[in-house]
């Protein structure tokens, strides 16, 4: 997927992740909570060996990576939902897709 306008992309992602439903899932998910605590505990353990600045930079980098992963998951979900909607609206689209794949496999086999 090509992002044509990064500003629109960021605005959409911000809207999607700032709704109450998203926050409830993020705050009340025990797996996310336990993983977050583990990461924070491990990073805090490095404070004896590393400067606070290095630990804060690591924390920010981890947060940025997780945020980018969430964005990718949301965009993938949107693509799946759009594809499913297209198939439900016109099942012939799915049939055509399957038929094209069968023909491609047959061509490769020959």
Protein backbone atom coordinates (compact mmCIF):
# COMPACT_ATOMS: atom_id res chain seq x y z
CA UNK A 1 0.00 0.00 0.00
CA UNK A 2 1.41 3.36 -1.00
CA UNK A 3 0.86 6.22 1.39
CA UNK A 4 0.12 9.18 -0.84
CA UNK A 5 -0.11 11.82 1.84
CA UNK A 6 1.65 11.11 5.16
CA UNK A 7 -0.27 13.88 6.91
CA UNK A 8 -3.61 12.24 6.06
CA UNK A 9 -2.24 8.85 7.08
CA UNK A 10 -1.11 10.17 10.46
CA UNK A 11 -4.41 11.98 11.01
CA UNK A 12 -6.43 8.82 10.22
CA UNK A 13 -4.23 6.65 12.47
CA UNK A 14 -4.55 9.20 15.25
CA UNK A 15 -8.35 9.21 14.94
CA UNK A 16 -8.57 5.42 14.88
CA UNK A 17 -6.41 4.95 17.96
CA UNK A 18 -7.86 7.78 20.03
CA UNK A 19 -11.41 6.48 20.32
CA UNK A 20 -12.77 5.16 23.61
CA UNK A 21 -13.13 1.59 22.32
CA UNK A 22 -9.45 1.46 21.35
CA UNK A 23 -8.35 2.90 24.68
CA UNK A 24 -10.53 0.41 26.58
CA UNK A 25 -8.97 -2.48 24.68
CA UNK A 26 -5.44 -1.18 25.16
CA UNK A 27 -5.87 -0.44 28.87
CA UNK A 28 -7.82 -3.57 29.78
CA UNK A 29 -5.88 -6.12 27.75
CA UNK A 30 -4.00 -8.27 30.31
CA UNK A 31 -1.49 -9.49 27.71
CA UNK A 32 -0.59 -5.96 26.64
CA UNK A 33 -0.39 -4.88 30.27
CA UNK A 34 1.92 -7.70 31.32
CA UNK A 35 4.20 -7.24 28.28
CA UNK A 36 4.37 -3.50 28.87
CA UNK A 37 5.31 -4.04 32.53
CA UNK A 38 8.01 -6.54 31.55
CA UNK A 39 9.54 -4.12 29.06
CA UNK A 40 9.45 -1.23 31.56
CA UNK A 41 10.95 -3.39 34.31
CA UNK A 42 13.77 -4.54 32.04
CA UNK A 43 14.48 -1.03 30.86
CA UNK A 44 14.51 0.25 34.44
CA UNK A 45 17.02 -2.52 35.24
CA UNK A 46 19.42 -0.98 32.72
CA UNK A 47 19.48 2.34 34.56
CA UNK A 48 22.33 1.13 36.76
CA UNK A 49 24.46 0.41 33.67
CA UNK A 50 23.21 3.02 31.21
CA UNK A 51 22.43 6.69 31.48
CA UNK A 52 18.83 7.81 31.93
CA UNK A 53 19.06 9.44 28.50
CA UNK A 54 19.96 6.14 26.81
CA UNK A 55 17.16 4.31 28.63
CA UNK A 56 14.66 7.03 27.69
CA UNK A 57 15.78 6.85 24.04
CA UNK A 58 15.35 3.06 24.07
CA UNK A 59 11.91 3.45 25.62
CA UNK A 60 10.90 5.97 22.95
CA UNK A 61 12.27 3.75 20.15
CA UNK A 62 10.32 0.76 21.48
CA UNK A 63 7.16 2.86 21.75
CA UNK A 64 7.63 4.15 18.19
CA UNK A 65 8.14 0.60 16.90
CA UNK A 66 5.03 -0.67 18.69
CA UNK A 67 3.02 2.27 17.37
CA UNK A 68 4.20 1.58 13.81
CA UNK A 69 3.25 -2.10 14.24
CA UNK A 70 -0.21 -1.12 15.46
CA UNK A 71 -0.61 1.22 12.48
CA UNK A 72 0.40 -1.58 10.10
CA UNK A 73 -2.10 -3.93 11.74
CA UNK A 74 -4.89 -1.38 11.48
CA UNK A 75 -4.11 -0.69 7.82
CA UNK A 76 -4.07 -4.42 7.10
CA UNK A 77 -7.40 -4.79 8.89
CA UNK A 78 -8.86 -1.99 6.79
CA UNK A 79 -7.66 -3.72 3.62
CA UNK A 80 -9.16 -7.03 4.74
CA UNK A 81 -12.45 -5.34 5.66
CA UNK A 82 -12.57 -3.56 2.29
CA UNK A 83 -11.85 -6.83 0.46
CA UNK A 84 -14.50 -8.67 2.44
CA UNK A 85 -17.00 -5.90 1.74
CA UNK A 86 -16.21 -6.11 -1.97
CA UNK A 87 -16.69 -9.89 -1.95
CA UNK A 88 -19.96 -9.66 -0.01
CA UNK A 89 -21.23 -6.95 -2.33
CA UNK A 90 -20.24 -8.86 -5.47
CA UNK A 91 -19.34 -12.55 -4.94
CA UNK A 92 -18.32 -12.78 -8.60
CA UNK A 93 -15.18 -10.82 -7.70
CA UNK A 94 -14.07 -13.68 -5.44
CA UNK A 95 -14.99 -16.29 -8.02
CA UNK A 96 -12.95 -14.40 -10.64
CA UNK A 97 -9.98 -14.20 -8.26
CA UNK A 98 -10.12 -17.95 -7.57
CA UNK A 99 -10.47 -18.74 -11.28
CA UNK A 100 -7.45 -16.57 -12.15
CA UNK A 101 -5.36 -18.36 -9.50
CA UNK A 102 -6.39 -21.77 -10.85
CA UNK A 103 -5.41 -20.70 -14.36
CA UNK A 104 -2.03 -19.37 -13.16
CA UNK A 105 -1.28 -22.65 -11.35
CA UNK A 106 -2.19 -24.64 -14.43
CA UNK A 107 0.10 -22.50 -16.60
CA UNK A 108 3.00 -23.03 -14.15
CA UNK A 109 2.36 -26.78 -14.09
CA UNK A 110 2.55 -27.07 -17.88
